[in-house]
Amino acid sequence: MSRRHMTLLITVAVLVLLYAAGGIYFKNFLRIPVIINLFGDNAFTGITAVGMTFVIISGGIDLSVGSA
């Protein structure tokens, strides 16, 4: 398995473990609307991360992000 795939696998495993821990501590955390809200409310962070990744890959240096 390549390093890139290992990094993705570890990231998904950490997400699943943290979600399971939330389910243990909070009884309603394992409901489907919580998953939808988790990704929906944090979509802007994911979009920013993808944009910054493209800047890093293209060799750009300026990664400053203005506050919204």
PDB file of N, CA and C in Angstrom:
ATOM      1  N   MET A   1       0.850  -1.175   0.000  1.00  0.00           N
ATOM      2  CA  MET A   1       0.000   0.000   0.000  1.00  0.00           C
ATOM      3  C   MET A   1       0.897   1.240   0.000  1.00  0.00           C
ATOM      4  N   SER A   2       0.576   2.184  -0.864  1.00  0.00           N
ATOM      5  CA  SER A   2       1.408   3.383  -0.967  1.00  0.00           C
ATOM      6  C   SER A   2       1.169   4.314   0.217  1.00  0.00           C
ATOM      7  N   ARG A   3       2.078   5.234   0.392  1.00  0.00           N
ATOM      8  CA  ARG A   3       1.994   6.188   1.499  1.00  0.00           C
ATOM      9  C   ARG A   3       0.739   7.057   1.382  1.00  0.00           C
ATOM     10  N   ARG A   4       0.375   7.432   0.151  1.00  0.00           N
ATOM     11  CA  ARG A   4      -0.812   8.262  -0.051  1.00  0.00           C
ATOM     12  C   ARG A   4      -2.076   7.532   0.402  1.00  0.00           C
ATOM     13  N   HIS A   5      -2.168   6.262   0.074  1.00  0.00           N
ATOM     14  CA  HIS A   5      -3.331   5.493   0.488  1.00  0.00           C
ATOM     15  C   HIS A   5      -3.333   5.249   1.993  1.00  0.00           C
ATOM     16  N   MET A   6      -2.169   5.080   2.576  1.00  0.00           N
ATOM     17  CA  MET A   6      -2.074   4.871   4.018  1.00  0.00           C
ATOM     18  C   MET A   6      -2.546   6.118   4.767  1.00  0.00           C
ATOM     19  N   THR A   7      -2.183   7.299   4.279  1.00  0.00           N
ATOM     20  CA  THR A   7      -2.601   8.543   4.913  1.00  0.00           C
ATOM     21  C   THR A   7      -4.119   8.684   4.863  1.00  0.00           C
ATOM     22  N   LEU A   8      -4.713   8.368   3.719  1.00  0.00           N
ATOM     23  CA  LEU A   8      -6.166   8.435   3.590  1.00  0.00           C
ATOM     24  C   LEU A   8      -6.844   7.428   4.512  1.00  0.00           C
ATOM     25  N   LEU A   9      -6.299   6.235   4.580  1.00  0.00           N
ATOM     26  CA  LEU A   9      -6.863   5.205   5.445  1.00  0.00           C
ATOM     27  C   LEU A   9      -6.805   5.606   6.917  1.00  0.00           C
ATOM     28  N   ILE A  10      -5.705   6.178   7.341  1.00  0.00           N
ATOM     29  CA  ILE A  10      -5.568   6.625   8.731  1.00  0.00           C
ATOM     30  C   ILE A  10      -6.544   7.755   9.028  1.00  0.00           C
ATOM     31  N   THR A  11      -6.710   8.680   8.084  1.00  0.00           N
ATOM     32  CA  THR A  11      -7.638   9.793   8.273  1.00  0.00           C
ATOM     33  C   THR A  11      -9.070   9.288   8.436  1.00  0.00           C
ATOM     34  N   VAL A  12      -9.477   8.358   7.601  1.00  0.00           N
ATOM     35  CA  VAL A  12     -10.828   7.790   7.696  1.00  0.00           C
ATOM     36  C   VAL A  12     -10.987   7.017   9.001  1.00  0.00           C
ATOM     37  N   ALA A  13      -9.957   6.282   9.415  1.00  0.00           N
ATOM     38  CA  ALA A  13     -10.027   5.522  10.665  1.00  0.00           C
ATOM     39  C   ALA A  13     -10.185   6.452  11.865  1.00  0.00           C
ATOM     40  N   VAL A  14      -9.464   7.566  11.875  1.00  0.00           N
ATOM     41  CA  VAL A  14      -9.583   8.528  12.981  1.00  0.00           C
ATOM     42  C   VAL A  14     -10.981   9.133  12.997  1.00  0.00           C
ATOM     43  N   LEU A  15     -11.522   9.463  11.819  1.00  0.00           N
ATOM     44  CA  LEU A  15     -12.871  10.001  11.749  1.00  0.00           C
ATOM     45  C   LEU A  15     -13.892   9.011  12.312  1.00  0.00           C
ATOM     46  N   VAL A  16     -13.764   7.741  11.936  1.00  0.00           N
ATOM     47  CA  VAL A  16     -14.696   6.714  12.415  1.00  0.00           C
ATOM     48  C   VAL A  16     -14.552   6.521  13.927  1.00  0.00           C
ATOM     49  N   LEU A  17     -13.328   6.494  14.429  1.00  0.00           N
ATOM     50  CA  LEU A  17     -13.113   6.322  15.870  1.00  0.00           C
ATOM     51  C   LEU A  17     -13.683   7.492  16.672  1.00  0.00           C
ATOM     52  N   LEU A  18     -13.478   8.716  16.182  1.00  0.00           N
ATOM     53  CA  LEU A  18     -14.019   9.875  16.887  1.00  0.00           C
ATOM     54  C   LEU A  18     -15.543   9.897  16.830  1.00  0.00           C
ATOM     55  N   TYR A  19     -16.107   9.481  15.716  1.00  0.00           N
ATOM     56  CA  TYR A  19     -17.561   9.421  15.603  1.00  0.00           C
ATOM     57  C   TYR A  19     -18.121   8.357  16.547  1.00  0.00           C
ATOM     58  N   ALA A  20     -17.438   7.218  16.652  1.00  0.00           N
ATOM     59  CA  ALA A  20     -17.860   6.158  17.576  1.00  0.00           C
ATOM     60  C   ALA A  20     -17.759   6.628  19.027  1.00  0.00           C
ATOM     61  N   ALA A  21     -16.707   7.360  19.349  1.00  0.00           N
ATOM     62  CA  ALA A  21     -16.562   7.886  20.707  1.00  0.00           C
ATOM     63  C   ALA A  21     -17.692   8.865  21.020  1.00  0.00           C
ATOM     64  N   GLY A  22     -18.055   9.703  20.058  1.00  0.00           N
ATOM     65  CA  GLY A  22     -19.184  10.611  20.248  1.00  0.00           C
ATOM     66  C   GLY A  22     -20.480   9.851  20.458  1.00  0.00           C
ATOM     67  N   GLY A  23     -20.626   8.726  19.745  1.00  0.00           N
ATOM     68  CA  GLY A  23     -21.813   7.897  19.901  1.00  0.00           C
ATOM     69  C   GLY A  23     -21.898   7.237  21.261  1.00  0.00           C
ATOM     70  N   ILE A  24     -20.751   6.930  21.842  1.00  0.00           N
ATOM     71  CA  ILE A  24     -20.727   6.326  23.176  1.00  0.00           C
ATOM     72  C   ILE A  24     -21.102   7.354  24.243  1.00  0.00           C
ATOM     73  N   TYR A  25     -20.581   8.577  24.106  1.00  0.00           N
ATOM     74  CA  TYR A  25     -20.810   9.591  25.136  1.00  0.00           C
ATOM     75  C   TYR A  25     -22.155  10.310  25.013  1.00  0.00           C
ATOM     76  N   PHE A  26     -22.676  10.430  23.783  1.00  0.00           N
ATOM     77  CA  PHE A  26     -23.923  11.158  23.557  1.00  0.00           C
ATOM     78  C   PHE A  26     -24.899  10.242  22.840  1.00  0.00           C
ATOM     79  N   LYS A  27     -26.067  10.007  23.422  1.00  0.00           N
ATOM     80  CA  LYS A  27     -26.988   8.983  22.920  1.00  0.00           C
ATOM     81  C   LYS A  27     -27.552   9.284  21.534  1.00  0.00           C
ATOM     82  N   ASN A  28     -27.748  10.534  21.162  1.00  0.00           N
ATOM     83  CA  ASN A  28     -28.337  10.868  19.867  1.00  0.00           C
ATOM     84  C   ASN A  28     -27.294  11.148  18.783  1.00  0.00           C
ATOM     85  N   PHE A  29     -26.032  10.980  19.093  1.00  0.00           N
ATOM     86  CA  PHE A  29     -24.963  11.335  18.159  1.00  0.00           C
ATOM     87  C   PHE A  29     -24.911  10.412  16.948  1.00  0.00           C
ATOM     88  N   LEU A  30     -25.424   9.207  17.035  1.00  0.00           N
ATOM     89  CA  LEU A  30     -25.338   8.248  15.935  1.00  0.00           C
ATOM     90  C   LEU A  30     -26.498   8.353  14.946  1.00  0.00           C
ATOM     91  N   ARG A  31     -27.319   9.365  15.072  1.00  0.00           N
ATOM     92  CA  ARG A  31     -28.427   9.544  14.139  1.00  0.00           C
ATOM     93  C   ARG A  31     -27.933  10.134  12.821  1.00  0.00           C
ATOM     94  N   ILE A  32     -28.629   9.819  11.732  1.00  0.00           N
ATOM     95  CA  ILE A  32     -28.249  10.266  10.388  1.00  0.00           C
ATOM     96  C   ILE A  32     -28.225  11.793  10.256  1.00  0.00           C
ATOM     97  N   PRO A  33     -29.190  12.530  10.809  1.00  0.00           N
ATOM     98  CA  PRO A  33     -29.127  13.998  10.681  1.00  0.00           C
ATOM     99  C   PRO A  33     -27.848  14.603  11.272  1.00  0.00           C
ATOM    100  N   VAL A  34     -27.287  13.964  12.280  1.00  0.00           N
ATOM    101  CA  VAL A  34     -26.046  14.466  12.870  1.00  0.00           C
ATOM    102  C   VAL A  34     -24.903  14.353  11.854  1.00  0.00           C
ATOM    103  N   ILE A  35     -24.844  13.246  11.126  1.00  0.00           N
ATOM    104  CA  ILE A  35     -23.808  13.070  10.101  1.00  0.00           C
ATOM    105  C   ILE A  35     -23.954  14.129   9.020  1.00  0.00           C
ATOM    106  N   ILE A  36     -25.188  14.337   8.572  1.00  0.00           N
ATOM    107  CA  ILE A  36     -25.442  15.324   7.524  1.00  0.00           C
ATOM    108  C   ILE A  36     -25.051  16.721   8.001  1.00  0.00           C
ATOM    109  N   ASN A  37     -25.431  17.071   9.212  1.00  0.00           N
ATOM    110  CA  ASN A  37     -25.081  18.379   9.762  1.00  0.00           C
ATOM    111  C   ASN A  37     -23.581  18.521   9.992  1.00  0.00           C
ATOM    112  N   LEU A  38     -22.927  17.446  10.385  1.00  0.00           N
ATOM    113  CA  LEU A  38     -21.484  17.482  10.622  1.00  0.00           C
ATOM    114  C   LEU A  38     -20.733  17.892   9.366  1.00  0.00           C
ATOM    115  N   PHE A  39     -21.092  17.276   8.244  1.00  0.00           N
ATOM    116  CA  PHE A  39     -20.420  17.611   6.985  1.00  0.00           C
ATOM    117  C   PHE A  39     -20.961  18.905   6.375  1.00  0.00           C
ATOM    118  N   GLY A  40     -22.241  19.151   6.526  1.00  0.00           N
ATOM    119  CA  GLY A  40     -22.833  20.364   5.959  1.00  0.00           C
ATOM    120  C   GLY A  40     -22.354  21.629   6.638  1.00  0.00           C
ATOM    121  N   ASP A  41     -22.268  21.606   7.959  1.00  0.00           N
ATOM    122  CA  ASP A  41     -21.840  22.788   8.702  1.00  0.00           C
ATOM    123  C   ASP A  41     -20.352  23.071   8.543  1.00  0.00           C
ATOM    124  N   ASN A  42     -19.581  22.071   8.158  1.00  0.00           N
ATOM    125  CA  ASN A  42     -18.143  22.252   8.006  1.00  0.00           C
ATOM    126  C   ASN A  42     -17.688  22.203   6.551  1.00  0.00           C
ATOM    127  N   ALA A  43     -18.623  22.371   5.624  1.00  0.00           N
ATOM    128  CA  ALA A  43     -18.289  22.299   4.201  1.00  0.00           C
ATOM    129  C   ALA A  43     -17.316  23.399   3.795  1.00  0.00           C
ATOM    130  N   PHE A  44     -17.455  24.597   4.369  1.00  0.00           N
ATOM    131  CA  PHE A  44     -16.562  25.692   4.010  1.00  0.00           C
ATOM    132  C   PHE A  44     -15.110  25.381   4.374  1.00  0.00           C
ATOM    133  N   THR A  45     -14.905  24.660   5.459  1.00  0.00           N
ATOM    134  CA  THR A  45     -13.549  24.274   5.852  1.00  0.00           C
ATOM    135  C   THR A  45     -12.969  23.292   4.843  1.00  0.00           C
ATOM    136  N   GLY A  46     -13.777  22.346   4.377  1.00  0.00           N
ATOM    137  CA  GLY A  46     -13.318  21.389   3.372  1.00  0.00           C
ATOM    138  C   GLY A  46     -12.997  22.053   2.052  1.00  0.00           C
ATOM    139  N   ILE A  47     -13.826  22.999   1.632  1.00  0.00           N
ATOM    140  CA  ILE A  47     -13.574  23.721   0.382  1.00  0.00           C
ATOM    141  C   ILE A  47     -12.290  24.531   0.487  1.00  0.00           C
ATOM    142  N   THR A  48     -12.077  25.181   1.627  1.00  0.00           N
ATOM    143  CA  THR A  48     -10.841  25.933   1.837  1.00  0.00           C
ATOM    144  C   THR A  48      -9.632  25.015   1.824  1.00  0.00           C
ATOM    145  N   ALA A  49      -9.746  23.850   2.433  1.00  0.00           N
ATOM    146  CA  ALA A  49      -8.639  22.892   2.463  1.00  0.00           C
ATOM    147  C   ALA A  49      -8.296  22.405   1.058  1.00  0.00           C
ATOM    148  N   VAL A  50      -9.316  22.137   0.242  1.00  0.00           N
ATOM    149  CA  VAL A  50      -9.064  21.704  -1.136  1.00  0.00           C
ATOM    150  C   VAL A  50      -8.379  22.822  -1.923  1.00  0.00           C
ATOM    151  N   GLY A  51      -8.847  24.045  -1.758  1.00  0.00           N
ATOM    152  CA  GLY A  51      -8.222  25.182  -2.441  1.00  0.00           C
ATOM    153  C   GLY A  51      -6.773  25.367  -2.032  1.00  0.00           C
ATOM    154  N   MET A  52      -6.489  25.261  -0.749  1.00  0.00           N
ATOM    155  CA  MET A  52      -5.104  25.400  -0.276  1.00  0.00           C
ATOM    156  C   MET A  52      -4.231  24.261  -0.790  1.00  0.00           C
ATOM    157  N   THR A  53      -4.808  23.071  -0.910  1.00  0.00           N
ATOM    158  CA  THR A  53      -4.058  21.944  -1.451  1.00  0.00           C
ATOM    159  C   THR A  53      -3.644  22.212  -2.887  1.00  0.00           C
ATOM    160  N   PHE A  54      -4.554  22.782  -3.677  1.00  0.00           N
ATOM    161  CA  PHE A  54      -4.207  23.121  -5.059  1.00  0.00           C
ATOM    162  C   PHE A  54      -3.098  24.166  -5.114  1.00  0.00           C
ATOM    163  N   VAL A  55      -3.127  25.132  -4.202  1.00  0.00           N
ATOM    164  CA  VAL A  55      -2.072  26.149  -4.159  1.00  0.00           C
ATOM    165  C   VAL A  55      -0.733  25.512  -3.817  1.00  0.00           C
ATOM    166  N   ILE A  56      -0.722  24.611  -2.863  1.00  0.00           N
ATOM    167  CA  ILE A  56       0.518  23.937  -2.471  1.00  0.00           C
ATOM    168  C   ILE A  56       1.049  23.098  -3.622  1.00  0.00           C
ATOM    169  N   ILE A  57       0.163  22.365  -4.293  1.00  0.00           N
ATOM    170  CA  ILE A  57       0.589  21.510  -5.404  1.00  0.00           C
ATOM    171  C   ILE A  57       1.132  22.346  -6.563  1.00  0.00           C
ATOM    172  N   SER A  58       0.507  23.485  -6.839  1.00  0.00           N
ATOM    173  CA  SER A  58       0.939  24.313  -7.970  1.00  0.00           C
ATOM    174  C   SER A  58       2.209  25.101  -7.666  1.00  0.00           C
ATOM    175  N   GLY A  59       2.660  25.093  -6.438  1.00  0.00           N
ATOM    176  CA  GLY A  59       3.908  25.763  -6.082  1.00  0.00           C
ATOM    177  C   GLY A  59       3.716  27.168  -5.561  1.00  0.00           C
ATOM    178  N   GLY A  60       2.484  27.577  -5.322  1.00  0.00           N
ATOM    179  CA  GLY A  60       2.220  28.907  -4.768  1.00  0.00           C
ATOM    180  C   GLY A  60       2.680  28.984  -3.314  1.00  0.00           C
ATOM    181  N   ILE A  61       2.988  30.175  -2.874  1.00  0.00           N
ATOM    182  CA  ILE A  61       3.507  30.349  -1.528  1.00  0.00           C
ATOM    183  C   ILE A  61       2.450  30.955  -0.592  1.00  0.00           C
ATOM    184  N   ASP A  62       1.660  31.916  -1.103  1.00  0.00           N
ATOM    185  CA  ASP A  62       0.733  32.661  -0.254  1.00  0.00           C
ATOM    186  C   ASP A  62      -0.484  31.826   0.093  1.00  0.00           C
ATOM    187  N   LEU A  63      -0.599  31.397   1.338  1.00  0.00           N
ATOM    188  CA  LEU A  63      -1.736  30.607   1.781  1.00  0.00           C
ATOM    189  C   LEU A  63      -2.581  31.349   2.810  1.00  0.00           C
ATOM    190  N   SER A  64      -2.486  32.669   2.837  1.00  0.00           N
ATOM    191  CA  SER A  64      -3.264  33.425   3.804  1.00  0.00           C
ATOM    192  C   SER A  64      -4.736  33.361   3.440  1.00  0.00           C
ATOM    193  N   VAL A  65      -5.565  33.201   4.453  1.00  0.00           N
ATOM    194  CA  VAL A  65      -7.007  33.125   4.254  1.00  0.00           C
ATOM    195  C   VAL A  65      -7.647  34.228   5.067  1.00  0.00           C
ATOM    196  N   GLY A  66      -8.415  35.067   4.399  1.00  0.00           N
ATOM    197  CA  GLY A  66      -9.098  36.154   5.097  1.00  0.00           C
ATOM    198  C   GLY A  66     -10.246  35.621   5.916  1.00  0.00           C
ATOM    199  N   SER A  67     -10.549  36.288   7.018  1.00  0.00           N
ATOM    200  CA  SER A  67     -11.668  35.851   7.851  1.00  0.00           C
ATOM    201  C   SER A  67     -12.971  36.266   7.201  1.00  0.00           C
ATOM    202  N   ALA A  68     -13.969  35.431   7.400  1.00  0.00           N
ATOM    203  CA  ALA A  68     -15.280  35.716   6.776  1.00  0.00           C
ATOM    204  C   ALA A  68     -16.226  36.336   7.748  1.00  0.00           C
TER     205      ALA A  68
END
